[in-house]
Amino acid sequence: MEKAAALLAKITPEAASRDVDDAVLDAITLSACADGLTKDEITALGLMARELPTSKGLSDAEIDERVRASFERINEVGLEARLQAIGETAIDEETRRRMFSAAVIVQYADGHLTNEENAFLLDLADVLGLNETKVREIVEQIERELGVAAG
């Protein structure tokens, strides 16, 4: 899990707006929930939330609040509407790639990808406008970085 958080830190920019970081966090949260939330994924959410540029220097309680707020945003508007809003927040290609990468990284928190998680990643790629080639490239890069067998 620490490796996943470190990888997220590596792919995130030095600075980002709160809106973009919230969208990244929500993509991670939705991704973690795709097949049911495990203890490992909950832990990974907190570790990954800490690596967002706008989370630097926050206390554990403030990080927990950011994660809680992510669940609240999703609950308020529903999964589909929040997924669509995430796609609208990702204004440039690099941000879209980072959001998708973050969602892929959290998928490996429990050690494997399920069919439900794969389906979510395809939905996310669609709203982010990432084609199949880019998606495959990102997933393969994440798998190499995390040292997991290719899916």
C-alpha atoms as a PDB file:
ATOM      1  CA  MET A   1       0.000   0.000   0.000  1.00  0.00           C
ATOM      2  CA  GLU A   2       2.834   2.361   0.767  1.00  0.00           C
ATOM      3  CA  LYS A   3       4.201   1.571  -2.683  1.00  0.00           C
ATOM      4  CA  ALA A   4       0.860   2.628  -4.209  1.00  0.00           C
ATOM      5  CA  ALA A   5       0.882   5.912  -2.281  1.00  0.00           C
ATOM      6  CA  ALA A   6       4.486   6.546  -3.313  1.00  0.00           C
ATOM      7  CA  LEU A   7       3.558   5.898  -6.945  1.00  0.00           C
ATOM      8  CA  LEU A   8       0.682   8.365  -6.679  1.00  0.00           C
ATOM      9  CA  ALA A   9       3.088  10.938  -5.247  1.00  0.00           C
ATOM     10  CA  LYS A  10       5.346  10.331  -8.241  1.00  0.00           C
ATOM     11  CA  ILE A  11       2.595  10.951 -10.813  1.00  0.00           C
ATOM     12  CA  THR A  12       0.872  13.908  -9.163  1.00  0.00           C
ATOM     13  CA  PRO A  13       1.959  17.441  -9.982  1.00  0.00           C
ATOM     14  CA  GLU A  14       3.682  19.639  -7.436  1.00  0.00           C
ATOM     15  CA  ALA A  15       0.660  21.931  -7.347  1.00  0.00           C
ATOM     16  CA  ALA A  16      -2.981  21.489  -8.223  1.00  0.00           C
ATOM     17  CA  SER A  17      -6.235  23.236  -7.501  1.00  0.00           C
ATOM     18  CA  ARG A  18      -8.493  21.941  -4.764  1.00  0.00           C
ATOM     19  CA  ASP A  19     -11.146  21.112  -7.400  1.00  0.00           C
ATOM     20  CA  VAL A  20      -8.718  18.951  -9.368  1.00  0.00           C
ATOM     21  CA  ASP A  21      -7.444  17.223  -6.222  1.00  0.00           C
ATOM     22  CA  ASP A  22     -11.031  16.592  -5.104  1.00  0.00           C
ATOM     23  CA  ALA A  23     -11.777  15.059  -8.503  1.00  0.00           C
ATOM     24  CA  VAL A  24      -8.665  12.849  -8.235  1.00  0.00           C
ATOM     25  CA  LEU A  25      -9.674  11.795  -4.719  1.00  0.00           C
ATOM     26  CA  ASP A  26     -13.217  11.049  -5.878  1.00  0.00           C
ATOM     27  CA  ALA A  27     -11.886   8.974  -8.794  1.00  0.00           C
ATOM     28  CA  ILE A  28      -9.776   7.023  -6.296  1.00  0.00           C
ATOM     29  CA  THR A  29     -12.772   6.601  -3.972  1.00  0.00           C
ATOM     30  CA  LEU A  30     -15.071   5.441  -6.762  1.00  0.00           C
ATOM     31  CA  SER A  31     -12.383   3.077  -7.979  1.00  0.00           C
ATOM     32  CA  ALA A  32     -11.899   1.597  -4.511  1.00  0.00           C
ATOM     33  CA  CYS A  33     -15.653   1.049  -4.175  1.00  0.00           C
ATOM     34  CA  ALA A  34     -16.098  -0.604  -7.580  1.00  0.00           C
ATOM     35  CA  ASP A  35     -16.275  -4.130  -6.156  1.00  0.00           C
ATOM     36  CA  GLY A  36     -16.903  -3.348  -2.503  1.00  0.00           C
ATOM     37  CA  LEU A  37     -14.555  -1.602  -0.130  1.00  0.00           C
ATOM     38  CA  THR A  38     -11.879  -3.668   1.612  1.00  0.00           C
ATOM     39  CA  LYS A  39      -9.838  -2.700   4.651  1.00  0.00           C
ATOM     40  CA  ASP A  40      -6.741  -2.505   2.420  1.00  0.00           C
ATOM     41  CA  GLU A  41      -8.528  -0.139   0.045  1.00  0.00           C
ATOM     42  CA  ILE A  42      -9.683   2.080   2.915  1.00  0.00           C
ATOM     43  CA  THR A  43      -6.099   2.269   4.157  1.00  0.00           C
ATOM     44  CA  ALA A  44      -4.885   2.986   0.622  1.00  0.00           C
ATOM     45  CA  LEU A  45      -7.451   5.792   0.262  1.00  0.00           C
ATOM     46  CA  GLY A  46      -6.029   7.563   3.300  1.00  0.00           C
ATOM     47  CA  LEU A  47      -2.436   7.074   2.189  1.00  0.00           C
ATOM     48  CA  MET A  48      -3.189   8.253  -1.324  1.00  0.00           C
ATOM     49  CA  ALA A  49      -5.239  11.245  -0.101  1.00  0.00           C
ATOM     50  CA  ARG A  50      -2.175  12.348   1.853  1.00  0.00           C
ATOM     51  CA  GLU A  51      -0.142  12.473  -1.394  1.00  0.00           C
ATOM     52  CA  LEU A  52      -2.408  14.971  -3.157  1.00  0.00           C
ATOM     53  CA  PRO A  53      -0.748  18.381  -3.578  1.00  0.00           C
ATOM     54  CA  THR A  54      -3.440  20.193  -1.600  1.00  0.00           C
ATOM     55  CA  SER A  55      -3.101  17.675   1.259  1.00  0.00           C
ATOM     56  CA  LYS A  56       0.525  18.460   2.025  1.00  0.00           C
ATOM     57  CA  GLY A  57       0.959  19.352   5.663  1.00  0.00           C
ATOM     58  CA  LEU A  58      -2.536  18.298   6.727  1.00  0.00           C
ATOM     59  CA  SER A  59      -3.065  16.376   9.946  1.00  0.00           C
ATOM     60  CA  ASP A  60      -4.406  12.821  10.036  1.00  0.00           C
ATOM     61  CA  ALA A  61      -7.791  14.186  11.098  1.00  0.00           C
ATOM     62  CA  GLU A  62      -7.833  16.610   8.149  1.00  0.00           C
ATOM     63  CA  ILE A  63      -6.935  13.782   5.744  1.00  0.00           C
ATOM     64  CA  ASP A  64      -9.729  11.647   7.207  1.00  0.00           C
ATOM     65  CA  GLU A  65     -12.091  14.584   6.675  1.00  0.00           C
ATOM     66  CA  ARG A  66     -11.020  14.885   3.015  1.00  0.00           C
ATOM     67  CA  VAL A  67     -11.755  11.190   2.471  1.00  0.00           C
ATOM     68  CA  ARG A  68     -15.100  11.514   4.279  1.00  0.00           C
ATOM     69  CA  ALA A  69     -15.953  14.542   2.117  1.00  0.00           C
ATOM     70  CA  SER A  70     -15.198  12.495  -0.989  1.00  0.00           C
ATOM     71  CA  PHE A  71     -17.747   9.866   0.042  1.00  0.00           C
ATOM     72  CA  GLU A  72     -20.240  12.645   0.808  1.00  0.00           C
ATOM     73  CA  ARG A  73     -19.801  14.253  -2.634  1.00  0.00           C
ATOM     74  CA  ILE A  74     -20.412  10.893  -4.282  1.00  0.00           C
ATOM     75  CA  ASN A  75     -23.403  10.159  -2.050  1.00  0.00           C
ATOM     76  CA  GLU A  76     -24.960  13.594  -2.679  1.00  0.00           C
ATOM     77  CA  VAL A  77     -25.116  13.351  -6.465  1.00  0.00           C
ATOM     78  CA  GLY A  78     -24.764   9.629  -7.096  1.00  0.00           C
ATOM     79  CA  LEU A  79     -22.073   7.578  -8.748  1.00  0.00           C
ATOM     80  CA  GLU A  80     -22.866   8.379 -12.361  1.00  0.00           C
ATOM     81  CA  ALA A  81     -23.221  12.120 -11.852  1.00  0.00           C
ATOM     82  CA  ARG A  82     -19.978  12.336  -9.877  1.00  0.00           C
ATOM     83  CA  LEU A  83     -18.163  10.269 -12.489  1.00  0.00           C
ATOM     84  CA  GLN A  84     -19.383  12.681 -15.163  1.00  0.00           C
ATOM     85  CA  ALA A  85     -18.295  15.673 -13.064  1.00  0.00           C
ATOM     86  CA  ILE A  86     -14.839  14.137 -12.658  1.00  0.00           C
ATOM     87  CA  GLY A  87     -14.550  13.954 -16.434  1.00  0.00           C
ATOM     88  CA  GLU A  88     -15.504  17.603 -16.726  1.00  0.00           C
ATOM     89  CA  THR A  89     -12.914  18.626 -14.115  1.00  0.00           C
ATOM     90  CA  ALA A  90     -10.018  16.963 -15.914  1.00  0.00           C
ATOM     91  CA  ILE A  91      -9.237  19.883 -18.161  1.00  0.00           C
ATOM     92  CA  ASP A  92      -6.042  18.744 -19.876  1.00  0.00           C
ATOM     93  CA  GLU A  93      -4.689  15.424 -21.102  1.00  0.00           C
ATOM     94  CA  GLU A  94      -2.008  15.157 -18.424  1.00  0.00           C
ATOM     95  CA  THR A  95      -4.586  15.690 -15.657  1.00  0.00           C
ATOM     96  CA  ARG A  96      -6.868  13.090 -17.222  1.00  0.00           C
ATOM     97  CA  ARG A  97      -3.977  10.601 -17.365  1.00  0.00           C
ATOM     98  CA  ARG A  98      -3.109  11.303 -13.717  1.00  0.00           C
ATOM     99  CA  MET A  99      -6.704  10.795 -12.613  1.00  0.00           C
ATOM    100  CA  PHE A 100      -6.934   7.513 -14.457  1.00  0.00           C
ATOM    101  CA  SER A 101      -3.536   6.409 -13.119  1.00  0.00           C
ATOM    102  CA  ALA A 102      -4.652   7.144  -9.556  1.00  0.00           C
ATOM    103  CA  ALA A 103      -7.784   5.037 -10.054  1.00  0.00           C
ATOM    104  CA  VAL A 104      -5.693   2.165 -11.416  1.00  0.00           C
ATOM    105  CA  ILE A 105      -3.236   2.370  -8.530  1.00  0.00           C
ATOM    106  CA  VAL A 106      -5.939   1.981  -5.872  1.00  0.00           C
ATOM    107  CA  GLN A 107      -7.302  -1.052  -7.709  1.00  0.00           C
ATOM    108  CA  TYR A 108      -4.148  -2.913  -6.721  1.00  0.00           C
ATOM    109  CA  ALA A 109      -4.510  -2.117  -2.983  1.00  0.00           C
ATOM    110  CA  ASP A 110      -6.039  -5.547  -2.426  1.00  0.00           C
ATOM    111  CA  GLY A 111      -3.608  -7.238  -4.802  1.00  0.00           C
ATOM    112  CA  HIS A 112      -5.794  -7.910  -7.842  1.00  0.00           C
ATOM    113  CA  LEU A 113      -8.305  -6.477 -10.307  1.00  0.00           C
ATOM    114  CA  THR A 114     -11.868  -7.780 -10.439  1.00  0.00           C
ATOM    115  CA  ASN A 115     -14.309  -7.634 -13.342  1.00  0.00           C
ATOM    116  CA  GLU A 116     -16.216  -4.867 -11.537  1.00  0.00           C
ATOM    117  CA  GLU A 117     -13.046  -2.830 -11.094  1.00  0.00           C
ATOM    118  CA  ASN A 118     -12.150  -3.295 -14.758  1.00  0.00           C
ATOM    119  CA  ALA A 119     -15.650  -2.156 -15.754  1.00  0.00           C
ATOM    120  CA  PHE A 120     -15.275   0.966 -13.604  1.00  0.00           C
ATOM    121  CA  LEU A 121     -11.897   1.749 -15.163  1.00  0.00           C
ATOM    122  CA  LEU A 122     -13.437   1.515 -18.630  1.00  0.00           C
ATOM    123  CA  ASP A 123     -16.238   3.896 -17.561  1.00  0.00           C
ATOM    124  CA  LEU A 124     -13.699   6.311 -16.102  1.00  0.00           C
ATOM    125  CA  ALA A 125     -11.528   6.129 -19.223  1.00  0.00           C
ATOM    126  CA  ASP A 126     -14.617   6.912 -21.288  1.00  0.00           C
ATOM    127  CA  VAL A 127     -15.556  10.061 -19.328  1.00  0.00           C
ATOM    128  CA  LEU A 128     -11.920  11.160 -19.367  1.00  0.00           C
ATOM    129  CA  GLY A 129     -11.700  10.649 -23.131  1.00  0.00           C
ATOM    130  CA  LEU A 130      -8.815   8.172 -22.941  1.00  0.00           C
ATOM    131  CA  ASN A 131      -8.618   5.718 -25.803  1.00  0.00           C
ATOM    132  CA  GLU A 132      -7.850   2.010 -25.462  1.00  0.00           C
ATOM    133  CA  THR A 133      -4.178   2.450 -26.366  1.00  0.00           C
ATOM    134  CA  LYS A 134      -3.620   5.077 -23.665  1.00  0.00           C
ATOM    135  CA  VAL A 135      -5.539   3.005 -21.128  1.00  0.00           C
ATOM    136  CA  ARG A 136      -3.459  -0.088 -21.841  1.00  0.00           C
ATOM    137  CA  GLU A 137      -0.255   1.963 -21.665  1.00  0.00           C
ATOM    138  CA  ILE A 138      -1.195   3.445 -18.283  1.00  0.00           C
ATOM    139  CA  VAL A 139      -2.251   0.091 -16.793  1.00  0.00           C
ATOM    140  CA  GLU A 140       0.924  -1.623 -17.994  1.00  0.00           C
ATOM    141  CA  GLN A 141       3.081   1.184 -16.582  1.00  0.00           C
ATOM    142  CA  ILE A 142       1.331   0.972 -13.192  1.00  0.00           C
ATOM    143  CA  GLU A 143       1.712  -2.808 -13.145  1.00  0.00           C
ATOM    144  CA  ARG A 144       5.433  -2.476 -13.852  1.00  0.00           C
ATOM    145  CA  GLU A 145       5.896   0.217 -11.196  1.00  0.00           C
ATOM    146  CA  LEU A 146       4.018  -1.812  -8.572  1.00  0.00           C
ATOM    147  CA  GLY A 147       5.680  -5.073  -9.599  1.00  0.00           C
ATOM    148  CA  VAL A 148       2.439  -6.952 -10.229  1.00  0.00           C
ATOM    149  CA  ALA A 149       1.770  -9.539 -12.918  1.00  0.00           C
ATOM    150  CA  ALA A 150       0.151  -8.109 -16.042  1.00  0.00           C
ATOM    151  CA  GLY A 151      -3.649  -8.278 -15.988  1.00  0.00           C
END
